[in-house]
């Protein structure tokens, strides 16, 4: 970088004019602060993404559990209703058969 700056200064002293602007910058460990800030921002973004993913996974698991519970409850209710209906039909058939048996 210093060599390029020296050559540009030499060209200027010979009277060469440039059509563009050249800016030289040098840092004295200030970039370490920038690196630390970038690392902190990246860590925060990663933590936020992980938290969002965990929340989404928990919500999906809760929804799946609720759906499974609803299905199980529906099956149990169906089985109970079916058993009750079959029992009532059997009782009615037995009563009708007994009535007809005694009537004939």
Protein backbone atom coordinates (compact mmCIF):
# COMPACT_ATOMS: atom_id res chain seq x y z
CA UNK A 1 0.00 0.00 0.00
CA UNK A 2 2.84 2.39 0.84
CA UNK A 3 4.53 1.61 -2.47
CA UNK A 4 1.38 2.48 -4.42
CA UNK A 5 1.04 5.73 -2.47
CA UNK A 6 4.70 6.59 -3.20
CA UNK A 7 4.22 5.94 -6.93
CA UNK A 8 1.07 8.10 -7.04
CA UNK A 9 2.93 10.90 -5.23
CA UNK A 10 5.79 10.59 -7.70
CA UNK A 11 3.37 10.83 -10.64
CA UNK A 12 1.78 13.91 -9.04
CA UNK A 13 5.19 15.58 -8.67
CA UNK A 14 5.84 14.97 -12.39
CA UNK A 15 2.57 16.73 -13.20
CA UNK A 16 0.39 13.73 -14.01
CA UNK A 17 -3.23 14.42 -13.14
CA UNK A 18 -5.60 11.60 -12.28
CA UNK A 19 -9.18 11.31 -13.48
CA UNK A 20 -10.30 9.55 -10.27
CA UNK A 21 -9.75 9.86 -6.54
CA UNK A 22 -7.68 7.36 -4.60
CA UNK A 23 -8.17 7.15 -0.84
CA UNK A 24 -5.83 5.16 1.36
CA UNK A 25 -6.95 3.94 4.76
CA UNK A 26 -4.99 2.27 7.52
CA UNK A 27 -6.31 0.78 10.74
CA UNK A 28 -4.52 0.35 14.02
CA UNK A 29 -6.37 -2.54 15.68
CA UNK A 30 -9.69 -0.74 15.43
CA UNK A 31 -10.87 -3.55 13.19
CA UNK A 32 -10.69 -5.86 16.20
CA UNK A 33 -13.59 -3.92 17.70
CA UNK A 34 -15.51 -4.29 14.45
CA UNK A 35 -14.77 -8.03 14.40
CA UNK A 36 -16.03 -8.35 17.97
CA UNK A 37 -19.21 -6.46 17.07
CA UNK A 38 -19.76 -8.66 14.01
CA UNK A 39 -19.17 -11.82 16.08
CA UNK A 40 -21.65 -10.62 18.73
CA UNK A 41 -24.25 -9.83 16.07
CA UNK A 42 -23.76 -13.24 14.44
CA UNK A 43 -24.05 -14.99 17.82
CA UNK A 44 -27.24 -13.06 18.61
CA UNK A 45 -28.71 -13.92 15.20
CA UNK A 46 -27.82 -17.60 15.65
CA UNK A 47 -29.37 -17.64 19.14
CA UNK A 48 -32.55 -16.00 17.84
CA UNK A 49 -32.77 -18.50 14.96
CA UNK A 50 -32.25 -21.43 17.35
CA UNK A 51 -34.93 -20.09 19.71
CA UNK A 52 -37.37 -19.63 16.83
CA UNK A 53 -36.67 -23.17 15.57
CA UNK A 54 -37.16 -24.60 19.07
CA UNK A 55 -40.43 -22.69 19.49
CA UNK A 56 -41.67 -23.92 16.10
CA UNK A 57 -40.73 -27.51 16.96
CA UNK A 58 -42.49 -27.26 20.33
CA UNK A 59 -45.62 -25.83 18.69
CA UNK A 60 -45.62 -28.60 16.08
CA UNK A 61 -45.19 -31.27 18.78
CA UNK A 62 -48.02 -29.76 20.84
CA UNK A 63 -50.30 -29.68 17.78
CA UNK A 64 -49.47 -33.30 16.94
CA UNK A 65 -50.13 -34.37 20.54
CA UNK A 66 -53.45 -32.53 20.58
CA UNK A 67 -54.48 -34.13 17.28
CA UNK A 68 -53.53 -37.59 18.57
CA UNK A 69 -55.46 -37.01 21.81
CA UNK A 70 -58.52 -35.85 19.86
CA UNK A 71 -58.34 -38.93 17.62
CA UNK A 72 -57.97 -41.25 20.62
CA UNK A 73 -60.91 -39.60 22.40
CA UNK A 74 -63.02 -39.85 19.25
CA UNK A 75 -62.20 -43.55 18.89
CA UNK A 76 -63.00 -44.20 22.56
CA UNK A 77 -66.30 -42.33 22.28
CA UNK A 78 -67.16 -44.26 19.12
CA UNK A 79 -66.37 -47.60 20.77
CA UNK A 80 -68.40 -46.70 23.89
CA UNK A 81 -71.37 -45.57 21.78
CA UNK A 82 -71.11 -48.69 19.64
CA UNK A 83 -71.02 -50.95 22.70
CA UNK A 84 -74.01 -49.14 24.25
CA UNK A 85 -75.99 -49.38 21.00
CA UNK A 86 -75.19 -53.08 20.64
CA UNK A 87 -76.18 -53.65 24.27
CA UNK A 88 -79.47 -51.81 23.78
CA UNK A 89 -80.21 -53.75 20.60
CA UNK A 90 -79.46 -57.04 22.36
CA UNK A 91 -81.69 -56.09 25.30
CA UNK A 92 -84.51 -55.07 22.95
CA UNK A 93 -84.19 -58.31 20.96
CA UNK A 94 -84.21 -60.37 24.17
CA UNK A 95 -87.27 -58.51 25.47
CA UNK A 96 -89.11 -58.88 22.16
CA UNK A 97 -88.24 -62.56 21.94
CA UNK A 98 -89.45 -63.09 25.51
CA UNK A 99 -92.66 -61.24 24.85
CA UNK A 100 -93.29 -63.21 21.67
CA UNK A 101 -92.37 -66.43 23.40
CA UNK A 102 -94.87 -65.84 26.17
CA UNK A 103 -97.51 -64.48 23.82
CA UNK A 104 -97.51 -67.45 21.51
